[in-house]
Amino acid sequence: MEFPSKLLERAVAEMSQLPGIGKRTALRLVLHLLKQPPERTVYLSEALSDMRDKLRYCSECHNISDNEICEICADGRRDRSLICVVEDIRDVMAIENTGQYRGLYHVLGGKISPIDGIGPSQLTISALVERVKNGTVMELIFALSPTMEGDTTNFYIYRQLGDTGISTSAIARGISVGDELEYADEVTLGRSILQRVPFENSLRGN
């Protein structure tokens, strides 16, 4: 693709680094920005810069937050005896959109995947174990996507919590095996949370 301007080419190259954005889509987005009032580009730039500089991670659940403690953890109306274990912020958003869950969360930041070089030490598993041991948690709900990596991560955490006596459950298999949690519709996901089963049962079902 030939560009009439090096500045345009650079902008397109940077935009095309985003997931799902190819060179043609990136060019269309950049040309759209050029047609907008200059302040629109400034607003976008400032928003992205502020996100990178000021965004924090909740010190309790590791969810994305504007403050040290996220709004969910700070909400006194949430059931603090329940922790729902998820992969990332997109899963928190998906579950919250169902309106069916009123407990807390723990964001792992990924799933165990040896082929990708991701082991337990790259995730927030140790923080989760400490949180369970030091808190008032009665039940841990595994809500990772039902993939091989998700099941491996669930089982690893389950083994780490073996001597705590805490109840563990897994979301019902209303989510198809191999599907990512964030793409499930709200009704199916909500029912999967409400109809969760003891984690030991999910192991026997595999």
C-alpha atoms as a PDB file:
ATOM      1  CA  MET A   1       0.000   0.000   0.000  1.00  0.00           C
ATOM      2  CA  GLU A   2       1.519   3.307  -1.132  1.00  0.00           C
ATOM      3  CA  PHE A   3       1.004   6.393   1.046  1.00  0.00           C
ATOM      4  CA  PRO A   4       1.237  10.021  -0.092  1.00  0.00           C
ATOM      5  CA  SER A   5       2.536  11.017   3.353  1.00  0.00           C
ATOM      6  CA  LYS A   6       4.994   9.476   5.825  1.00  0.00           C
ATOM      7  CA  LEU A   7       2.928  10.926   8.680  1.00  0.00           C
ATOM      8  CA  LEU A   8      -0.188   9.198   7.355  1.00  0.00           C
ATOM      9  CA  GLU A   9       1.732   5.962   6.872  1.00  0.00           C
ATOM     10  CA  ARG A  10       2.998   6.051  10.447  1.00  0.00           C
ATOM     11  CA  ALA A  11      -0.495   6.709  11.843  1.00  0.00           C
ATOM     12  CA  VAL A  12      -1.921   3.807   9.821  1.00  0.00           C
ATOM     13  CA  ALA A  13       0.909   1.515  10.914  1.00  0.00           C
ATOM     14  CA  GLU A  14       0.262   2.276  14.596  1.00  0.00           C
ATOM     15  CA  MET A  15      -3.504   1.919  14.254  1.00  0.00           C
ATOM     16  CA  SER A  16      -3.136  -1.440  12.510  1.00  0.00           C
ATOM     17  CA  GLN A  17      -1.342  -2.836  15.573  1.00  0.00           C
ATOM     18  CA  LEU A  18      -4.722  -3.037  17.326  1.00  0.00           C
ATOM     19  CA  PRO A  19      -6.411  -6.478  17.397  1.00  0.00           C
ATOM     20  CA  GLY A  20      -8.711  -7.061  14.433  1.00  0.00           C
ATOM     21  CA  ILE A  21      -7.572  -3.890  12.652  1.00  0.00           C
ATOM     22  CA  GLY A  22      -5.931  -4.452   9.276  1.00  0.00           C
ATOM     23  CA  LYS A  23      -4.170  -1.846   7.147  1.00  0.00           C
ATOM     24  CA  ARG A  24      -7.296  -0.946   5.147  1.00  0.00           C
ATOM     25  CA  THR A  25      -9.458  -0.534   8.252  1.00  0.00           C
ATOM     26  CA  ALA A  26      -6.685   1.453   9.907  1.00  0.00           C
ATOM     27  CA  LEU A  27      -6.503   3.763   6.889  1.00  0.00           C
ATOM     28  CA  ARG A  28     -10.261   4.288   6.984  1.00  0.00           C
ATOM     29  CA  LEU A  29     -10.130   5.178  10.707  1.00  0.00           C
ATOM     30  CA  VAL A  30      -7.193   7.553  10.272  1.00  0.00           C
ATOM     31  CA  LEU A  31      -8.844   9.328   7.325  1.00  0.00           C
ATOM     32  CA  HIS A  32     -12.023   9.625   9.404  1.00  0.00           C
ATOM     33  CA  LEU A  33     -10.041  11.338  12.164  1.00  0.00           C
ATOM     34  CA  LEU A  34      -8.540  13.731   9.633  1.00  0.00           C
ATOM     35  CA  LYS A  35     -12.035  14.844   8.640  1.00  0.00           C
ATOM     36  CA  GLN A  36     -13.046  15.535  12.240  1.00  0.00           C
ATOM     37  CA  PRO A  37     -12.425  18.828  14.093  1.00  0.00           C
ATOM     38  CA  PRO A  38      -8.859  18.848  15.503  1.00  0.00           C
ATOM     39  CA  GLU A  39     -10.102  18.704  19.089  1.00  0.00           C
ATOM     40  CA  ARG A  40     -11.623  15.250  18.485  1.00  0.00           C
ATOM     41  CA  THR A  41      -8.163  13.840  17.860  1.00  0.00           C
ATOM     42  CA  VAL A  42      -6.887  15.659  20.943  1.00  0.00           C
ATOM     43  CA  TYR A  43      -9.690  14.187  23.078  1.00  0.00           C
ATOM     44  CA  LEU A  44      -8.893  10.691  21.804  1.00  0.00           C
ATOM     45  CA  SER A  45      -5.186  11.145  22.442  1.00  0.00           C
ATOM     46  CA  GLU A  46      -5.784  12.484  25.946  1.00  0.00           C
ATOM     47  CA  ALA A  47      -8.201   9.673  26.785  1.00  0.00           C
ATOM     48  CA  LEU A  48      -5.686   7.017  25.732  1.00  0.00           C
ATOM     49  CA  SER A  49      -2.834   8.779  27.519  1.00  0.00           C
ATOM     50  CA  ASP A  50      -4.839   9.158  30.735  1.00  0.00           C
ATOM     51  CA  MET A  51      -5.836   5.502  30.574  1.00  0.00           C
ATOM     52  CA  ARG A  52      -2.211   4.425  30.362  1.00  0.00           C
ATOM     53  CA  ASP A  53      -0.952   6.832  33.029  1.00  0.00           C
ATOM     54  CA  LYS A  54      -3.773   6.805  35.583  1.00  0.00           C
ATOM     55  CA  LEU A  55      -5.458   3.412  35.324  1.00  0.00           C
ATOM     56  CA  ARG A  56      -4.844   1.158  38.324  1.00  0.00           C
ATOM     57  CA  TYR A  57      -5.557  -2.394  39.384  1.00  0.00           C
ATOM     58  CA  CYS A  58      -7.650  -3.076  42.467  1.00  0.00           C
ATOM     59  CA  SER A  59      -5.395  -4.159  45.324  1.00  0.00           C
ATOM     60  CA  GLU A  60      -7.993  -6.719  46.416  1.00  0.00           C
ATOM     61  CA  CYS A  61      -9.387  -8.363  43.269  1.00  0.00           C
ATOM     62  CA  HIS A  62      -6.992  -7.079  40.539  1.00  0.00           C
ATOM     63  CA  ASN A  63      -9.850  -5.678  38.490  1.00  0.00           C
ATOM     64  CA  ILE A  64      -9.188  -2.532  36.486  1.00  0.00           C
ATOM     65  CA  SER A  65      -9.984   0.512  38.596  1.00  0.00           C
ATOM     66  CA  ASP A  66      -9.591   4.272  38.876  1.00  0.00           C
ATOM     67  CA  ASN A  67      -8.760   3.900  42.578  1.00  0.00           C
ATOM     68  CA  GLU A  68      -6.812   1.553  44.846  1.00  0.00           C
ATOM     69  CA  ILE A  69     -10.031  -0.359  45.586  1.00  0.00           C
ATOM     70  CA  CYS A  70     -12.467  -0.929  42.708  1.00  0.00           C
ATOM     71  CA  GLU A  71     -16.145   0.013  42.952  1.00  0.00           C
ATOM     72  CA  ILE A  72     -17.250  -3.611  43.296  1.00  0.00           C
ATOM     73  CA  CYS A  73     -14.927  -4.398  46.216  1.00  0.00           C
ATOM     74  CA  ALA A  74     -15.839  -1.092  47.872  1.00  0.00           C
ATOM     75  CA  ASP A  75     -19.575  -1.780  47.620  1.00  0.00           C
ATOM     76  CA  GLY A  76     -20.799  -2.790  51.078  1.00  0.00           C
ATOM     77  CA  ARG A  77     -23.888  -4.411  49.554  1.00  0.00           C
ATOM     78  CA  ARG A  78     -21.878  -7.164  47.852  1.00  0.00           C
ATOM     79  CA  ASP A  79     -21.777 -10.658  49.359  1.00  0.00           C
ATOM     80  CA  ARG A  80     -18.221 -10.928  50.657  1.00  0.00           C
ATOM     81  CA  SER A  81     -18.523 -14.664  51.287  1.00  0.00           C
ATOM     82  CA  LEU A  82     -18.507 -15.328  47.508  1.00  0.00           C
ATOM     83  CA  ILE A  83     -15.578 -14.877  45.136  1.00  0.00           C
ATOM     84  CA  CYS A  84     -15.992 -15.502  41.419  1.00  0.00           C
ATOM     85  CA  VAL A  85     -12.673 -16.352  39.735  1.00  0.00           C
ATOM     86  CA  VAL A  86     -12.362 -14.976  36.188  1.00  0.00           C
ATOM     87  CA  GLU A  87      -9.667 -14.562  33.570  1.00  0.00           C
ATOM     88  CA  ASP A  88      -9.853 -10.811  32.909  1.00  0.00           C
ATOM     89  CA  ILE A  89     -11.904  -7.607  33.026  1.00  0.00           C
ATOM     90  CA  ARG A  90     -14.060  -8.636  30.058  1.00  0.00           C
ATOM     91  CA  ASP A  91     -15.417 -11.568  32.067  1.00  0.00           C
ATOM     92  CA  VAL A  92     -16.231  -9.310  35.029  1.00  0.00           C
ATOM     93  CA  MET A  93     -18.160  -7.038  32.681  1.00  0.00           C
ATOM     94  CA  ALA A  94     -19.994  -9.983  31.101  1.00  0.00           C
ATOM     95  CA  ILE A  95     -21.085 -11.411  34.464  1.00  0.00           C
ATOM     96  CA  GLU A  96     -22.056  -8.002  35.850  1.00  0.00           C
ATOM     97  CA  ASN A  97     -24.263  -7.438  32.802  1.00  0.00           C
ATOM     98  CA  THR A  98     -26.335 -10.493  33.751  1.00  0.00           C
ATOM     99  CA  GLY A  99     -27.439  -8.867  37.029  1.00  0.00           C
ATOM    100  CA  GLN A 100     -27.476 -12.363  38.575  1.00  0.00           C
ATOM    101  CA  TYR A 101     -24.344 -12.208  40.740  1.00  0.00           C
ATOM    102  CA  ARG A 102     -23.791 -10.066  43.836  1.00  0.00           C
ATOM    103  CA  GLY A 103     -20.540 -11.448  45.209  1.00  0.00           C
ATOM    104  CA  LEU A 104     -16.953 -10.324  44.674  1.00  0.00           C
ATOM    105  CA  TYR A 105     -14.438 -11.235  41.964  1.00  0.00           C
ATOM    106  CA  HIS A 106     -10.823 -12.219  41.563  1.00  0.00           C
ATOM    107  CA  VAL A 107      -9.174 -11.465  38.212  1.00  0.00           C
ATOM    108  CA  LEU A 108      -6.337 -13.872  37.392  1.00  0.00           C
ATOM    109  CA  GLY A 109      -4.972 -11.946  34.432  1.00  0.00           C
ATOM    110  CA  GLY A 110      -4.959 -15.000  32.179  1.00  0.00           C
ATOM    111  CA  LYS A 111      -5.006 -18.805  32.216  1.00  0.00           C
ATOM    112  CA  ILE A 112      -2.272 -21.368  32.715  1.00  0.00           C
ATOM    113  CA  SER A 113      -0.955 -22.229  29.263  1.00  0.00           C
ATOM    114  CA  PRO A 114       2.465 -23.924  29.098  1.00  0.00           C
ATOM    115  CA  ILE A 115       2.492 -23.708  25.295  1.00  0.00           C
ATOM    116  CA  ASP A 116       2.332 -19.905  25.624  1.00  0.00           C
ATOM    117  CA  GLY A 117       4.822 -19.830  28.476  1.00  0.00           C
ATOM    118  CA  ILE A 118       2.184 -18.807  31.042  1.00  0.00           C
ATOM    119  CA  GLY A 119       2.539 -20.540  34.382  1.00  0.00           C
ATOM    120  CA  PRO A 120       0.907 -20.003  37.796  1.00  0.00           C
ATOM    121  CA  SER A 121       3.546 -17.439  38.783  1.00  0.00           C
ATOM    122  CA  GLN A 122       2.457 -15.138  35.926  1.00  0.00           C
ATOM    123  CA  LEU A 123      -1.099 -15.044  37.297  1.00  0.00           C
ATOM    124  CA  THR A 124      -2.575 -13.727  40.559  1.00  0.00           C
ATOM    125  CA  ILE A 125      -3.198 -17.227  41.936  1.00  0.00           C
ATOM    126  CA  SER A 126      -1.013 -16.786  45.032  1.00  0.00           C
ATOM    127  CA  ALA A 127      -2.870 -13.567  45.874  1.00  0.00           C
ATOM    128  CA  LEU A 128      -6.171 -15.444  45.536  1.00  0.00           C
ATOM    129  CA  VAL A 129      -5.017 -18.194  47.904  1.00  0.00           C
ATOM    130  CA  GLU A 130      -3.913 -15.617  50.477  1.00  0.00           C
ATOM    131  CA  ARG A 131      -7.188 -13.759  50.074  1.00  0.00           C
ATOM    132  CA  VAL A 132      -9.150 -16.937  50.778  1.00  0.00           C
ATOM    133  CA  LYS A 133      -7.026 -17.871  53.792  1.00  0.00           C
ATOM    134  CA  ASN A 134      -7.166 -14.396  55.342  1.00  0.00           C
ATOM    135  CA  GLY A 135     -10.755 -13.450  54.532  1.00  0.00           C
ATOM    136  CA  THR A 136     -14.333 -14.478  55.194  1.00  0.00           C
ATOM    137  CA  VAL A 137     -14.808 -16.345  51.923  1.00  0.00           C
ATOM    138  CA  MET A 138     -17.149 -19.334  52.085  1.00  0.00           C
ATOM    139  CA  GLU A 139     -17.359 -20.258  48.393  1.00  0.00           C
ATOM    140  CA  LEU A 140     -15.111 -19.881  45.376  1.00  0.00           C
ATOM    141  CA  ILE A 141     -16.845 -19.961  41.980  1.00  0.00           C
ATOM    142  CA  PHE A 142     -14.691 -20.963  39.017  1.00  0.00           C
ATOM    143  CA  ALA A 143     -15.914 -18.974  36.012  1.00  0.00           C
ATOM    144  CA  LEU A 144     -13.095 -19.441  33.538  1.00  0.00           C
ATOM    145  CA  SER A 145     -13.920 -20.250  29.925  1.00  0.00           C
ATOM    146  CA  PRO A 146     -14.477 -24.015  29.497  1.00  0.00           C
ATOM    147  CA  THR A 147     -11.322 -24.594  27.489  1.00  0.00           C
ATOM    148  CA  MET A 148      -8.401 -26.921  28.221  1.00  0.00           C
ATOM    149  CA  GLU A 149      -6.446 -23.968  29.647  1.00  0.00           C
ATOM    150  CA  GLY A 150      -9.405 -22.854  31.745  1.00  0.00           C
ATOM    151  CA  ASP A 151      -9.955 -26.347  33.180  1.00  0.00           C
ATOM    152  CA  THR A 152      -6.229 -26.700  33.924  1.00  0.00           C
ATOM    153  CA  THR A 153      -6.235 -23.392  35.780  1.00  0.00           C
ATOM    154  CA  ASN A 154      -9.352 -24.328  37.750  1.00  0.00           C
ATOM    155  CA  PHE A 155      -7.819 -27.629  38.825  1.00  0.00           C
ATOM    156  CA  TYR A 156      -4.524 -26.012  39.835  1.00  0.00           C
ATOM    157  CA  ILE A 157      -6.309 -23.491  42.063  1.00  0.00           C
ATOM    158  CA  TYR A 158      -8.517 -26.244  43.475  1.00  0.00           C
ATOM    159  CA  ARG A 159      -5.421 -28.184  44.519  1.00  0.00           C
ATOM    160  CA  GLN A 160      -3.872 -25.085  46.091  1.00  0.00           C
ATOM    161  CA  LEU A 161      -6.979 -24.626  48.245  1.00  0.00           C
ATOM    162  CA  GLY A 162      -7.151 -28.255  49.313  1.00  0.00           C
ATOM    163  CA  ASP A 163      -6.536 -27.648  53.035  1.00  0.00           C
ATOM    164  CA  THR A 164      -8.678 -24.539  53.444  1.00  0.00           C
ATOM    165  CA  GLY A 165     -12.041 -26.299  53.692  1.00  0.00           C
ATOM    166  CA  ILE A 166     -13.622 -23.696  51.413  1.00  0.00           C
ATOM    167  CA  SER A 167     -16.490 -24.708  49.142  1.00  0.00           C
ATOM    168  CA  THR A 168     -15.628 -24.650  45.434  1.00  0.00           C
ATOM    169  CA  SER A 169     -18.045 -24.651  42.520  1.00  0.00           C
ATOM    170  CA  ALA A 170     -17.958 -24.223  38.760  1.00  0.00           C
ATOM    171  CA  ILE A 171     -20.435 -22.490  36.484  1.00  0.00           C
ATOM    172  CA  ALA A 172     -22.894 -24.883  34.867  1.00  0.00           C
ATOM    173  CA  ARG A 173     -21.982 -26.084  31.386  1.00  0.00           C
ATOM    174  CA  GLY A 174     -24.569 -23.903  29.692  1.00  0.00           C
ATOM    175  CA  ILE A 175     -21.467 -22.399  28.107  1.00  0.00           C
ATOM    176  CA  SER A 176     -20.307 -24.636  25.259  1.00  0.00           C
ATOM    177  CA  VAL A 177     -16.965 -26.331  25.753  1.00  0.00           C
ATOM    178  CA  GLY A 178     -14.264 -24.339  24.008  1.00  0.00           C
ATOM    179  CA  ASP A 179     -16.207 -21.066  24.074  1.00  0.00           C
ATOM    180  CA  GLU A 180     -14.870 -17.860  25.612  1.00  0.00           C
ATOM    181  CA  LEU A 181     -16.953 -16.554  28.505  1.00  0.00           C
ATOM    182  CA  GLU A 182     -17.162 -12.973  27.199  1.00  0.00           C
ATOM    183  CA  TYR A 183     -19.080 -14.096  24.082  1.00  0.00           C
ATOM    184  CA  ALA A 184     -21.842 -15.930  25.953  1.00  0.00           C
ATOM    185  CA  ASP A 185     -25.244 -14.286  25.908  1.00  0.00           C
ATOM    186  CA  GLU A 186     -26.367 -12.737  29.200  1.00  0.00           C
ATOM    187  CA  VAL A 187     -29.250 -15.176  29.824  1.00  0.00           C
ATOM    188  CA  THR A 188     -27.061 -18.266  29.348  1.00  0.00           C
ATOM    189  CA  LEU A 189     -24.241 -16.819  31.428  1.00  0.00           C
ATOM    190  CA  GLY A 190     -26.603 -15.729  34.193  1.00  0.00           C
ATOM    191  CA  ARG A 191     -28.155 -19.192  34.393  1.00  0.00           C
ATOM    192  CA  SER A 192     -24.711 -20.792  34.424  1.00  0.00           C
ATOM    193  CA  ILE A 193     -23.794 -18.728  37.493  1.00  0.00           C
ATOM    194  CA  LEU A 194     -27.051 -19.507  39.323  1.00  0.00           C
ATOM    195  CA  GLN A 195     -26.962 -23.217  38.431  1.00  0.00           C
ATOM    196  CA  ARG A 196     -23.308 -23.704  39.349  1.00  0.00           C
ATOM    197  CA  VAL A 197     -22.264 -27.153  40.524  1.00  0.00           C
ATOM    198  CA  PRO A 198     -19.689 -28.392  43.063  1.00  0.00           C
ATOM    199  CA  PHE A 199     -16.279 -28.352  41.406  1.00  0.00           C
ATOM    200  CA  GLU A 200     -15.746 -32.063  42.146  1.00  0.00           C
ATOM    201  CA  ASN A 201     -18.819 -32.820  40.025  1.00  0.00           C
ATOM    202  CA  SER A 202     -17.405 -30.853  37.103  1.00  0.00           C
ATOM    203  CA  LEU A 203     -14.250 -32.956  37.311  1.00  0.00           C
ATOM    204  CA  ARG A 204     -16.228 -36.190  37.091  1.00  0.00           C
ATOM    205  CA  GLY A 205     -18.145 -34.762  34.135  1.00  0.00           C
ATOM    206  CA  ASN A 206     -14.983 -34.281  32.060  1.00  0.00           C
END
